[in-house]
C-alpha atoms as a PDB file:
ATOM      1  CA  ASN A   1      11.940  87.565  -4.396  1.00  0.00           C
ATOM      2  CA  MET A   2      12.760  84.074  -5.500  1.00  0.00           C
ATOM      3  CA  ALA A   3      16.474  83.362  -5.760  1.00  0.00           C
ATOM      4  CA  LYS A   4      17.710  82.660  -9.269  1.00  0.00           C
ATOM      5  CA  LYS A   5      18.856  79.126  -9.973  1.00  0.00           C
ATOM      6  CA  LYS A   6      22.537  78.888 -10.760  1.00  0.00           C
ATOM      7  CA  LYS A   7      23.068  77.505 -14.263  1.00  0.00           C
ATOM      8  CA  LEU A   8      25.836  75.133 -15.251  1.00  0.00           C
ATOM      9  CA  SER A   9      28.615  76.646 -17.345  1.00  0.00           C
ATOM     10  CA  LYS A  10      29.287  75.437 -20.873  1.00  0.00           C
ATOM     11  CA  ALA A  11      32.476  73.727 -19.677  1.00  0.00           C
ATOM     12  CA  GLN A  12      30.565  71.904 -16.957  1.00  0.00           C
ATOM     13  CA  ARG A  13      27.900  70.731 -19.413  1.00  0.00           C
ATOM     14  CA  ASN A  14      30.575  69.459 -21.807  1.00  0.00           C
ATOM     15  CA  PHE A  15      32.341  67.597 -18.991  1.00  0.00           C
ATOM     16  CA  ILE A  16      29.108  65.849 -18.059  1.00  0.00           C
ATOM     17  CA  LYS A  17      28.503  64.784 -21.663  1.00  0.00           C
ATOM     18  CA  LYS A  18      32.054  63.468 -22.108  1.00  0.00           C
ATOM     19  CA  HIS A  19      32.395  61.843 -18.667  1.00  0.00           C
ATOM     20  CA  PRO A  20      28.986  60.578 -17.513  1.00  0.00           C
ATOM     21  CA  ILE A  21      30.416  57.801 -15.324  1.00  0.00           C
ATOM     22  CA  ILE A  22      32.831  60.117 -13.499  1.00  0.00           C
ATOM     23  CA  THR A  23      30.001  62.613 -13.005  1.00  0.00           C
ATOM     24  CA  LEU A  24      27.812  59.890 -11.529  1.00  0.00           C
ATOM     25  CA  LEU A  25      30.574  58.850  -9.130  1.00  0.00           C
ATOM     26  CA  ILE A  26      31.047  62.454  -7.991  1.00  0.00           C
ATOM     27  CA  VAL A  27      27.312  62.767  -7.314  1.00  0.00           C
ATOM     28  CA  LEU A  28      27.276  59.499  -5.350  1.00  0.00           C
ATOM     29  CA  VAL A  29      30.236  60.628  -3.211  1.00  0.00           C
ATOM     30  CA  LEU A  30      28.500  63.932  -2.418  1.00  0.00           C
ATOM     31  CA  VAL A  31      25.274  62.151  -1.485  1.00  0.00           C
ATOM     32  CA  ALA A  32      27.171  59.683   0.711  1.00  0.00           C
ATOM     33  CA  ALA A  33      28.979  62.537   2.445  1.00  0.00           C
ATOM     34  CA  THR A  34      25.667  64.236   3.176  1.00  0.00           C
ATOM     35  CA  VAL A  35      24.104  61.082   4.570  1.00  0.00           C
ATOM     36  CA  PHE A  36      26.999  59.610   6.509  1.00  0.00           C
ATOM     37  CA  LEU A  37      28.863  62.669   7.771  1.00  0.00           C
ATOM     38  CA  ARG A  38      25.803  64.481   9.059  1.00  0.00           C
ATOM     39  CA  PRO A  39      25.913  62.620  12.402  1.00  0.00           C
ATOM     40  CA  TRP A  40      29.100  64.479  13.272  1.00  0.00           C
ATOM     41  CA  GLU A  41      26.989  67.635  13.527  1.00  0.00           C
ATOM     42  CA  TYR A  42      25.056  65.728  16.204  1.00  0.00           C
ATOM     43  CA  ILE A  43      28.190  64.515  17.918  1.00  0.00           C
ATOM     44  CA  ASP A  44      29.783  67.915  18.445  1.00  0.00           C
ATOM     45  CA  GLY A  45      26.507  69.652  19.109  1.00  0.00           C
ATOM     46  CA  GLY A  46      26.840  71.701  15.927  1.00  0.00           C
ATOM     47  CA  GLY A  47      29.265  73.984  17.763  1.00  0.00           C
ATOM     48  CA  LYS A  48      26.534  75.069  20.173  1.00  0.00           C
ATOM     49  CA  ASP A  49      26.623  75.209  23.945  1.00  0.00           C
ATOM     50  CA  PRO A  50      25.152  71.826  25.020  1.00  0.00           C
ATOM     51  CA  ILE A  51      23.197  73.430  27.850  1.00  0.00           C
ATOM     52  CA  GLN A  52      22.200  76.658  26.123  1.00  0.00           C
ATOM     53  CA  ASN A  53      18.497  75.951  26.716  1.00  0.00           C
ATOM     54  CA  ILE A  54      18.864  75.225  30.415  1.00  0.00           C
ATOM     55  CA  ASP A  55      18.644  77.864  33.132  1.00  0.00           C
ATOM     56  CA  LEU A  56      21.119  76.713  35.773  1.00  0.00           C
ATOM     57  CA  SER A  57      20.325  79.657  38.041  1.00  0.00           C
ATOM     58  CA  GLU A  58      17.402  77.635  39.434  1.00  0.00           C
ATOM     59  CA  ALA A  59      19.917  75.027  40.596  1.00  0.00           C
ATOM     60  CA  LYS A  60      21.955  77.464  42.697  1.00  0.00           C
ATOM     61  CA  GLY A  61      22.443  76.120  46.196  1.00  0.00           C
ATOM     62  CA  LYS A  62      21.168  72.675  45.219  1.00  0.00           C
ATOM     63  CA  LEU A  63      22.606  69.336  44.206  1.00  0.00           C
ATOM     64  CA  GLN A  64      22.510  68.876  40.421  1.00  0.00           C
ATOM     65  CA  VAL A  65      22.470  65.468  38.745  1.00  0.00           C
ATOM     66  CA  HIS A  66      22.904  65.600  34.977  1.00  0.00           C
ATOM     67  CA  TYR A  67      22.005  62.478  32.998  1.00  0.00           C
ATOM     68  CA  ILE A  68      23.882  63.630  29.925  1.00  0.00           C
ATOM     69  CA  ASP A  69      22.489  62.677  26.540  1.00  0.00           C
ATOM     70  CA  VAL A  70      25.534  61.013  25.007  1.00  0.00           C
ATOM     71  CA  GLY A  71      23.443  58.712  22.855  1.00  0.00           C
ATOM     72  CA  GLN A  72      23.636  54.948  23.346  1.00  0.00           C
ATOM     73  CA  ALA A  73      26.045  55.368  26.234  1.00  0.00           C
ATOM     74  CA  ASP A  74      26.266  56.514  29.867  1.00  0.00           C
ATOM     75  CA  SER A  75      27.700  59.637  31.451  1.00  0.00           C
ATOM     76  CA  ILE A  76      26.274  61.220  34.586  1.00  0.00           C
ATOM     77  CA  LEU A  77      27.509  64.368  36.281  1.00  0.00           C
ATOM     78  CA  ALA A  78      26.675  65.395  39.845  1.00  0.00           C
ATOM     79  CA  ILE A  79      27.530  68.880  41.091  1.00  0.00           C
ATOM     80  CA  LEU A  80      27.283  69.697  44.793  1.00  0.00           C
ATOM     81  CA  PRO A  81      26.138  73.161  45.943  1.00  0.00           C
ATOM     82  CA  THR A  82      29.649  73.785  47.259  1.00  0.00           C
ATOM     83  CA  GLY A  83      31.183  72.959  43.876  1.00  0.00           C
ATOM     84  CA  GLU A  84      32.423  69.381  44.359  1.00  0.00           C
ATOM     85  CA  THR A  85      31.785  67.132  41.371  1.00  0.00           C
ATOM     86  CA  LEU A  86      31.213  63.460  40.640  1.00  0.00           C
ATOM     87  CA  LEU A  87      31.407  62.010  37.119  1.00  0.00           C
ATOM     88  CA  ILE A  88      30.026  58.510  36.672  1.00  0.00           C
ATOM     89  CA  ASP A  89      31.178  56.999  33.381  1.00  0.00           C
ATOM     90  CA  ALA A  90      32.352  58.746  30.247  1.00  0.00           C
ATOM     91  CA  GLY A  91      30.762  56.898  27.366  1.00  0.00           C
ATOM     92  CA  ALA A  92      30.208  58.655  24.070  1.00  0.00           C
ATOM     93  CA  SER A  93      32.223  56.671  21.561  1.00  0.00           C
ATOM     94  CA  ASN A  94      32.873  57.400  17.915  1.00  0.00           C
ATOM     95  CA  ASP A  95      34.524  54.027  17.443  1.00  0.00           C
ATOM     96  CA  ARG A  96      31.557  51.861  16.591  1.00  0.00           C
ATOM     97  CA  ASP A  97      28.434  53.789  15.647  1.00  0.00           C
ATOM     98  CA  VAL A  98      28.668  57.556  15.316  1.00  0.00           C
ATOM     99  CA  ARG A  99      24.956  57.745  14.649  1.00  0.00           C
ATOM    100  CA  ALA A 100      24.142  56.337  18.092  1.00  0.00           C
ATOM    101  CA  GLN A 101      26.728  58.079  20.263  1.00  0.00           C
ATOM    102  CA  LYS A 102      28.161  61.529  20.741  1.00  0.00           C
ATOM    103  CA  GLY A 103      31.903  61.918  21.005  1.00  0.00           C
ATOM    104  CA  ALA A 104      34.446  62.994  23.606  1.00  0.00           C
ATOM    105  CA  ASP A 105      34.474  66.591  22.369  1.00  0.00           C
ATOM    106  CA  TYR A 106      30.768  66.871  23.115  1.00  0.00           C
ATOM    107  CA  LEU A 107      31.138  65.422  26.608  1.00  0.00           C
ATOM    108  CA  ILE A 108      34.103  67.637  27.522  1.00  0.00           C
ATOM    109  CA  ASN A 109      32.282  70.674  26.129  1.00  0.00           C
ATOM    110  CA  TYR A 110      29.288  69.763  28.284  1.00  0.00           C
ATOM    111  CA  LEU A 111      31.405  69.538  31.435  1.00  0.00           C
ATOM    112  CA  LYS A 112      32.984  72.903  30.714  1.00  0.00           C
ATOM    113  CA  SER A 113      29.589  74.428  29.930  1.00  0.00           C
ATOM    114  CA  CYS A 114      28.591  73.463  33.471  1.00  0.00           C
ATOM    115  CA  GLY A 115      31.671  75.195  34.847  1.00  0.00           C
ATOM    116  CA  VAL A 116      33.462  71.980  35.785  1.00  0.00           C
ATOM    117  CA  THR A 117      37.160  72.708  36.314  1.00  0.00           C
ATOM    118  CA  THR A 118      37.869  69.917  38.817  1.00  0.00           C
ATOM    119  CA  ILE A 119      36.478  66.384  39.050  1.00  0.00           C
ATOM    120  CA  ASP A 120      36.555  65.288  42.681  1.00  0.00           C
ATOM    121  CA  TYR A 121      35.474  61.719  41.966  1.00  0.00           C
ATOM    122  CA  MET A 122      35.412  59.913  38.645  1.00  0.00           C
ATOM    123  CA  ILE A 123      33.736  56.493  38.688  1.00  0.00           C
ATOM    124  CA  LEU A 124      34.209  54.182  35.729  1.00  0.00           C
ATOM    125  CA  THR A 125      31.656  51.447  36.330  1.00  0.00           C
ATOM    126  CA  HIS A 126      33.063  48.786  33.985  1.00  0.00           C
ATOM    127  CA  PRO A 127      35.276  48.503  30.889  1.00  0.00           C
ATOM    128  CA  HIS A 128      32.745  48.663  28.056  1.00  0.00           C
ATOM    129  CA  SER A 129      33.176  51.362  25.434  1.00  0.00           C
ATOM    130  CA  ASP A 130      29.717  52.878  25.920  1.00  0.00           C
ATOM    131  CA  HIS A 131      30.767  53.661  29.507  1.00  0.00           C
ATOM    132  CA  ILE A 132      34.473  54.511  29.208  1.00  0.00           C
ATOM    133  CA  ALA A 133      35.207  55.293  25.546  1.00  0.00           C
ATOM    134  CA  SER A 134      35.801  58.984  26.233  1.00  0.00           C
ATOM    135  CA  ALA A 135      37.351  58.493  29.666  1.00  0.00           C
ATOM    136  CA  ASP A 136      40.924  58.681  28.381  1.00  0.00           C
ATOM    137  CA  GLU A 137      40.232  62.035  26.723  1.00  0.00           C
ATOM    138  CA  VAL A 138      38.506  63.404  29.832  1.00  0.00           C
ATOM    139  CA  ILE A 139      41.509  62.280  31.894  1.00  0.00           C
ATOM    140  CA  THR A 140      43.913  63.876  29.423  1.00  0.00           C
ATOM    141  CA  GLU A 141      41.893  67.115  29.427  1.00  0.00           C
ATOM    142  CA  TYR A 142      41.545  67.463  33.203  1.00  0.00           C
ATOM    143  CA  GLY A 143      44.773  65.745  34.258  1.00  0.00           C
ATOM    144  CA  LYS A 144      45.613  66.183  37.935  1.00  0.00           C
ATOM    145  CA  ASN A 145      42.412  68.166  38.409  1.00  0.00           C
ATOM    146  CA  ILE A 146      40.819  64.735  38.725  1.00  0.00           C
ATOM    147  CA  LYS A 147      41.316  64.000  42.413  1.00  0.00           C
ATOM    148  CA  ASN A 148      40.036  60.407  42.668  1.00  0.00           C
ATOM    149  CA  ILE A 149      39.271  57.655  40.153  1.00  0.00           C
ATOM    150  CA  LEU A 150      37.293  54.627  41.338  1.00  0.00           C
ATOM    151  CA  LEU A 151      37.260  51.280  39.529  1.00  0.00           C
ATOM    152  CA  SER A 152      35.748  47.966  40.577  1.00  0.00           C
ATOM    153  CA  ASP A 153      38.405  45.766  39.013  1.00  0.00           C
ATOM    154  CA  ASP A 154      41.823  46.025  37.444  1.00  0.00           C
ATOM    155  CA  THR A 155      42.275  42.518  36.057  1.00  0.00           C
ATOM    156  CA  SER A 156      39.794  42.397  33.186  1.00  0.00           C
ATOM    157  CA  SER A 157      40.708  43.727  29.761  1.00  0.00           C
ATOM    158  CA  GLY A 158      39.292  46.948  28.368  1.00  0.00           C
ATOM    159  CA  TRP A 159      41.087  49.444  30.596  1.00  0.00           C
ATOM    160  CA  GLU A 160      44.142  49.852  28.361  1.00  0.00           C
ATOM    161  CA  ARG A 161      43.392  53.338  27.003  1.00  0.00           C
ATOM    162  CA  VAL A 162      42.267  54.572  30.421  1.00  0.00           C
ATOM    163  CA  ALA A 163      45.392  53.178  32.110  1.00  0.00           C
ATOM    164  CA  LYS A 164      47.623  54.776  29.494  1.00  0.00           C
ATOM    165  CA  ALA A 165      45.941  58.164  29.968  1.00  0.00           C
ATOM    166  CA  MET A 166      46.282  57.970  33.770  1.00  0.00           C
ATOM    167  CA  GLN A 167      49.940  57.065  33.453  1.00  0.00           C
ATOM    168  CA  LYS A 168      50.529  59.913  31.017  1.00  0.00           C
ATOM    169  CA  VAL A 169      49.106  62.594  33.320  1.00  0.00           C
ATOM    170  CA  GLY A 170      50.475  60.991  36.479  1.00  0.00           C
ATOM    171  CA  ILE A 171      47.347  60.042  38.412  1.00  0.00           C
ATOM    172  CA  GLY A 172      46.291  56.752  39.981  1.00  0.00           C
ATOM    173  CA  TYR A 173      43.082  54.971  40.886  1.00  0.00           C
ATOM    174  CA  GLU A 174      41.438  53.080  43.718  1.00  0.00           C
ATOM    175  CA  ILE A 175      39.643  49.737  43.616  1.00  0.00           C
ATOM    176  CA  CYS A 176      36.458  50.284  45.587  1.00  0.00           C
ATOM    177  CA  GLU A 177      34.710  47.552  47.552  1.00  0.00           C
ATOM    178  CA  VAL A 178      31.095  47.001  48.505  1.00  0.00           C
ATOM    179  CA  GLY A 179      30.213  49.011  51.601  1.00  0.00           C
ATOM    180  CA  ASP A 180      32.885  51.681  51.040  1.00  0.00           C
ATOM    181  CA  THR A 181      31.701  55.247  51.628  1.00  0.00           C
ATOM    182  CA  TYR A 182      33.053  58.542  50.333  1.00  0.00           C
ATOM    183  CA  SER A 183      32.220  62.117  51.334  1.00  0.00           C
ATOM    184  CA  ILE A 184      31.633  64.531  48.472  1.00  0.00           C
ATOM    185  CA  GLY A 185      30.790  67.911  49.912  1.00  0.00           C
ATOM    186  CA  LYS A 186      27.739  67.325  52.101  1.00  0.00           C
ATOM    187  CA  ALA A 187      26.777  64.210  50.132  1.00  0.00           C
ATOM    188  CA  THR A 188      27.707  60.614  50.942  1.00  0.00           C
ATOM    189  CA  LEU A 189      28.485  58.066  48.250  1.00  0.00           C
ATOM    190  CA  THR A 190      28.039  54.401  49.212  1.00  0.00           C
ATOM    191  CA  ILE A 191      29.260  51.520  47.064  1.00  0.00           C
ATOM    192  CA  LEU A 192      26.476  48.916  46.781  1.00  0.00           C
ATOM    193  CA  GLY A 193      28.060  46.558  44.300  1.00  0.00           C
ATOM    194  CA  PRO A 194      29.446  44.412  42.925  1.00  0.00           C
ATOM    195  CA  VAL A 195      28.857  42.368  46.075  1.00  0.00           C
ATOM    196  CA  ASP A 196      30.798  39.216  45.235  1.00  0.00           C
ATOM    197  CA  LYS A 197      33.192  39.424  42.292  1.00  0.00           C
ATOM    198  CA  SER A 198      33.954  35.708  42.511  1.00  0.00           C
ATOM    199  CA  ILE A 199      30.567  34.809  41.019  1.00  0.00           C
ATOM    200  CA  PHE A 200      31.201  36.735  37.802  1.00  0.00           C
ATOM    201  CA  GLY A 201      32.984  35.319  34.817  1.00  0.00           C
ATOM    202  CA  GLU A 202      35.702  37.325  33.083  1.00  0.00           C
ATOM    203  CA  ASP A 203      33.457  37.614  30.017  1.00  0.00           C
ATOM    204  CA  ASN A 204      30.554  39.267  31.815  1.00  0.00           C
ATOM    205  CA  LYS A 205      31.930  42.720  32.552  1.00  0.00           C
ATOM    206  CA  ASN A 206      28.432  44.122  33.070  1.00  0.00           C
ATOM    207  CA  ASN A 207      28.284  42.486  36.484  1.00  0.00           C
ATOM    208  CA  TYR A 208      31.553  44.133  37.483  1.00  0.00           C
ATOM    209  CA  SER A 209      29.679  47.438  37.276  1.00  0.00           C
ATOM    210  CA  ILE A 210      30.043  49.722  40.251  1.00  0.00           C
ATOM    211  CA  VAL A 211      26.583  50.278  41.713  1.00  0.00           C
ATOM    212  CA  CYS A 212      26.407  53.234  44.077  1.00  0.00           C
ATOM    213  CA  ARG A 213      24.017  55.442  46.010  1.00  0.00           C
ATOM    214  CA  LEU A 214      24.501  59.181  46.434  1.00  0.00           C
ATOM    215  CA  ALA A 215      22.685  60.546  49.501  1.00  0.00           C
ATOM    216  CA  TYR A 216      22.170  64.267  49.952  1.00  0.00           C
ATOM    217  CA  GLY A 217      20.081  65.325  52.921  1.00  0.00           C
ATOM    218  CA  ASP A 218      16.904  63.257  52.851  1.00  0.00           C
ATOM    219  CA  THR A 219      17.213  62.548  49.123  1.00  0.00           C
ATOM    220  CA  SER A 220      19.189  59.890  47.288  1.00  0.00           C
ATOM    221  CA  PHE A 221      20.092  58.636  43.832  1.00  0.00           C
ATOM    222  CA  VAL A 222      21.091  55.102  42.774  1.00  0.00           C
ATOM    223  CA  PHE A 223      23.398  54.538  39.800  1.00  0.00           C
ATOM    224  CA  THR A 224      23.754  51.047  38.355  1.00  0.00           C
ATOM    225  CA  GLY A 225      26.039  51.018  35.320  1.00  0.00           C
ATOM    226  CA  ASP A 226      25.129  47.846  33.403  1.00  0.00           C
ATOM    227  CA  ALA A 227      24.700  45.625  36.476  1.00  0.00           C
ATOM    228  CA  GLU A 228      22.504  42.632  35.708  1.00  0.00           C
ATOM    229  CA  THR A 229      19.959  40.671  37.714  1.00  0.00           C
ATOM    230  CA  VAL A 230      22.494  38.514  39.571  1.00  0.00           C
ATOM    231  CA  THR A 231      24.150  41.656  40.947  1.00  0.00           C
ATOM    232  CA  GLU A 232      20.818  43.304  41.739  1.00  0.00           C
ATOM    233  CA  LYS A 233      19.664  40.305  43.785  1.00  0.00           C
ATOM    234  CA  ALA A 234      22.978  40.140  45.634  1.00  0.00           C
ATOM    235  CA  ILE A 235      22.621  43.828  46.529  1.00  0.00           C
ATOM    236  CA  VAL A 236      19.094  43.278  47.869  1.00  0.00           C
ATOM    237  CA  LYS A 237      20.418  40.498  50.125  1.00  0.00           C
ATOM    238  CA  ARG A 238      23.405  42.554  51.286  1.00  0.00           C
ATOM    239  CA  PHE A 239      21.647  45.830  52.159  1.00  0.00           C
ATOM    240  CA  SER A 240      18.552  46.721  54.157  1.00  0.00           C
ATOM    241  CA  ALA A 241      15.524  48.447  52.666  1.00  0.00           C
ATOM    242  CA  SER A 242      16.479  51.760  54.276  1.00  0.00           C
ATOM    243  CA  GLU A 243      19.966  51.537  52.755  1.00  0.00           C
ATOM    244  CA  LEU A 244      18.526  51.056  49.253  1.00  0.00           C
ATOM    245  CA  LYS A 245      15.410  53.243  49.276  1.00  0.00           C
ATOM    246  CA  SER A 246      15.989  56.200  46.952  1.00  0.00           C
ATOM    247  CA  ASP A 247      14.254  58.961  45.073  1.00  0.00           C
ATOM    248  CA  VAL A 248      15.809  58.301  41.663  1.00  0.00           C
ATOM    249  CA  LEU A 249      17.118  55.150  39.975  1.00  0.00           C
ATOM    250  CA  LYS A 250      19.353  55.119  36.922  1.00  0.00           C
ATOM    251  CA  VAL A 251      17.983  52.005  35.224  1.00  0.00           C
ATOM    252  CA  GLY A 252      20.581  49.303  34.605  1.00  0.00           C
ATOM    253  CA  HIS A 253      21.966  48.449  31.164  1.00  0.00           C
ATOM    254  CA  HIS A 254      19.973  51.083  29.258  1.00  0.00           C
ATOM    255  CA  GLY A 255      16.676  49.325  29.973  1.00  0.00           C
ATOM    256  CA  SER A 256      17.758  45.871  28.792  1.00  0.00           C
ATOM    257  CA  THR A 257      15.925  42.740  29.999  1.00  0.00           C
ATOM    258  CA  THR A 258      19.210  41.583  31.568  1.00  0.00           C
ATOM    259  CA  SER A 259      18.620  44.058  34.393  1.00  0.00           C
ATOM    260  CA  SER A 260      15.883  45.709  36.475  1.00  0.00           C
ATOM    261  CA  CYS A 261      14.444  42.640  38.155  1.00  0.00           C
ATOM    262  CA  GLU A 262      11.290  43.267  40.157  1.00  0.00           C
ATOM    263  CA  GLU A 263      12.987  42.407  43.453  1.00  0.00           C
ATOM    264  CA  PHE A 264      15.566  45.161  42.962  1.00  0.00           C
ATOM    265  CA  LEU A 265      13.060  47.732  41.701  1.00  0.00           C
ATOM    266  CA  ARG A 266      10.850  47.138  44.733  1.00  0.00           C
ATOM    267  CA  ALA A 267      13.803  47.451  47.116  1.00  0.00           C
ATOM    268  CA  VAL A 268      15.024  50.744  45.658  1.00  0.00           C
ATOM    269  CA  ASP A 269      11.428  51.930  45.526  1.00  0.00           C
ATOM    270  CA  ALA A 270      12.295  55.145  43.700  1.00  0.00           C
ATOM    271  CA  GLY A 271       9.575  57.392  42.374  1.00  0.00           C
ATOM    272  CA  THR A 272      11.611  58.254  39.291  1.00  0.00           C
ATOM    273  CA  ALA A 273      13.570  56.064  36.894  1.00  0.00           C
ATOM    274  CA  VAL A 274      15.992  57.516  34.337  1.00  0.00           C
ATOM    275  CA  ILE A 275      16.942  55.470  31.284  1.00  0.00           C
ATOM    276  CA  CYS A 276      20.075  56.501  29.389  1.00  0.00           C
ATOM    277  CA  CYS A 277      19.973  55.263  25.799  1.00  0.00           C
ATOM    278  CA  GLY A 278      20.297  56.458  22.214  1.00  0.00           C
ATOM    279  CA  ALA A 279      17.424  57.421  19.957  1.00  0.00           C
ATOM    280  CA  GLU A 280      16.367  54.506  17.723  1.00  0.00           C
ATOM    281  CA  ASN A 281      19.335  52.435  18.900  1.00  0.00           C
ATOM    282  CA  SER A 282      19.870  49.044  17.289  1.00  0.00           C
ATOM    283  CA  TYR A 283      19.588  47.165  20.615  1.00  0.00           C
ATOM    284  CA  GLY A 284      15.914  47.937  21.144  1.00  0.00           C
ATOM    285  CA  HIS A 285      16.627  49.684  24.450  1.00  0.00           C
ATOM    286  CA  PRO A 286      14.670  50.254  26.560  1.00  0.00           C
ATOM    287  CA  THR A 287      12.691  47.029  26.210  1.00  0.00           C
ATOM    288  CA  LYS A 288       8.941  46.848  26.589  1.00  0.00           C
ATOM    289  CA  THR A 289       9.391  44.265  29.349  1.00  0.00           C
ATOM    290  CA  VAL A 290      11.328  46.697  31.545  1.00  0.00           C
ATOM    291  CA  LEU A 291       9.069  49.644  30.718  1.00  0.00           C
ATOM    292  CA  ASP A 292       6.004  47.596  31.648  1.00  0.00           C
ATOM    293  CA  ARG A 293       7.650  46.483  34.894  1.00  0.00           C
ATOM    294  CA  LEU A 294       8.524  50.060  35.834  1.00  0.00           C
ATOM    295  CA  GLU A 295       4.986  51.208  35.066  1.00  0.00           C
ATOM    296  CA  LYS A 296       3.524  48.369  37.126  1.00  0.00           C
ATOM    297  CA  LEU A 297       5.589  49.449  40.130  1.00  0.00           C
ATOM    298  CA  GLY A 298       4.611  53.096  39.776  1.00  0.00           C
ATOM    299  CA  TYR A 299       7.864  54.564  38.492  1.00  0.00           C
ATOM    300  CA  ASN A 300       7.838  57.829  36.569  1.00  0.00           C
ATOM    301  CA  VAL A 301      10.143  57.094  33.613  1.00  0.00           C
ATOM    302  CA  LEU A 302      12.430  59.681  32.020  1.00  0.00           C
ATOM    303  CA  ARG A 303      14.439  58.788  28.907  1.00  0.00           C
ATOM    304  CA  THR A 304      17.384  60.549  27.298  1.00  0.00           C
ATOM    305  CA  ASP A 305      16.524  59.085  23.881  1.00  0.00           C
ATOM    306  CA  LEU A 306      13.190  60.930  23.963  1.00  0.00           C
ATOM    307  CA  GLU A 307      13.994  63.992  26.053  1.00  0.00           C
ATOM    308  CA  GLY A 308      17.730  64.629  25.688  1.00  0.00           C
ATOM    309  CA  THR A 309      19.799  65.497  28.726  1.00  0.00           C
ATOM    310  CA  ILE A 310      17.831  65.253  31.968  1.00  0.00           C
ATOM    311  CA  ILE A 311      18.851  67.426  34.934  1.00  0.00           C
ATOM    312  CA  LEU A 312      17.424  66.716  38.371  1.00  0.00           C
ATOM    313  CA  ILE A 313      18.023  68.938  41.384  1.00  0.00           C
ATOM    314  CA  SER A 314      17.725  68.365  45.121  1.00  0.00           C
ATOM    315  CA  ASP A 315      17.471  70.819  47.996  1.00  0.00           C
ATOM    316  CA  GLY A 316      18.079  67.967  50.425  1.00  0.00           C
ATOM    317  CA  LYS A 317      14.375  67.410  50.996  1.00  0.00           C
ATOM    318  CA  THR A 318      12.799  66.963  47.586  1.00  0.00           C
ATOM    319  CA  VAL A 319      13.945  66.178  44.057  1.00  0.00           C
ATOM    320  CA  SER A 320      12.643  68.113  41.084  1.00  0.00           C
ATOM    321  CA  ARG A 321      13.488  68.456  37.431  1.00  0.00           C
ATOM    322  CA  LEU A 322      15.264  71.495  36.053  1.00  0.00           C
ATOM    323  CA  ALA A 323      13.099  72.914  33.301  1.00  0.00           C
ATOM    324  CA  ALA A 324      14.322  74.199  29.954  1.00  0.00           C
ATOM    325  CA  LYS A 325      14.106  77.924  29.243  1.00  0.00           C
END
């Protein structure tokens, strides 16, 4: 049966006749609310479990690497088989463009949906909002259950909210240096960059990005933040081919032309490239230039703007993708 249309009351019809301008303004406000507030449903996941369509049972006993779809931002979660965790960046900002990024509530909900109660290492690659905008809220939420925080620099601006949150919960941080290694469960994290901070200007925070490689068994993953070509070339000069060769590369700067030079892509020589960016973002990321370069070099490209959150798993010998239910 067709539902009956609700008719306006006599009082409502009289109001419209007497106050047409006010009525028009009310209609415009309602339309604007529908158009502009709808993204918040996207930001908080509509109240749904962010990983409700993923069967994590397949990942039992394996390393998980979650390239979380936080829109035009970066946040990557690694979970070791023994439960240790690594969080690289906590983007997801509501400050600038709520249509392009999901907020802190979504990110924290995602972490909890994965059973994360402790963060063993938290890496904040550089102080740009699309990489650290939700970091203060993650720090506030987890407090002293965050065991280590790694930064590449503490002199540039942009860390104020993060520093305030750390001070509030009573935790500190460490400035990591190129070549430093950290044990996370049975995985080893090696800091690849930035190689030489003296060559970067204060204004180019992208090149302060921590670049690191997570090795687990015979498999490895490279994470680049927003590191640009100058950093990539310095890394290639600093490390041998065997120290860079990996299975998966997180493409630098969301697929911008500022990053992913051919020299670096050849050195990492990963079979899979993951690009973290927002659907229909205003920056045009990823660029055709980078996509063409990746294709030329034989990379299999995965994109969060097209596929949502991407979860890769490793048994220490091979890397595969966790399928949706």
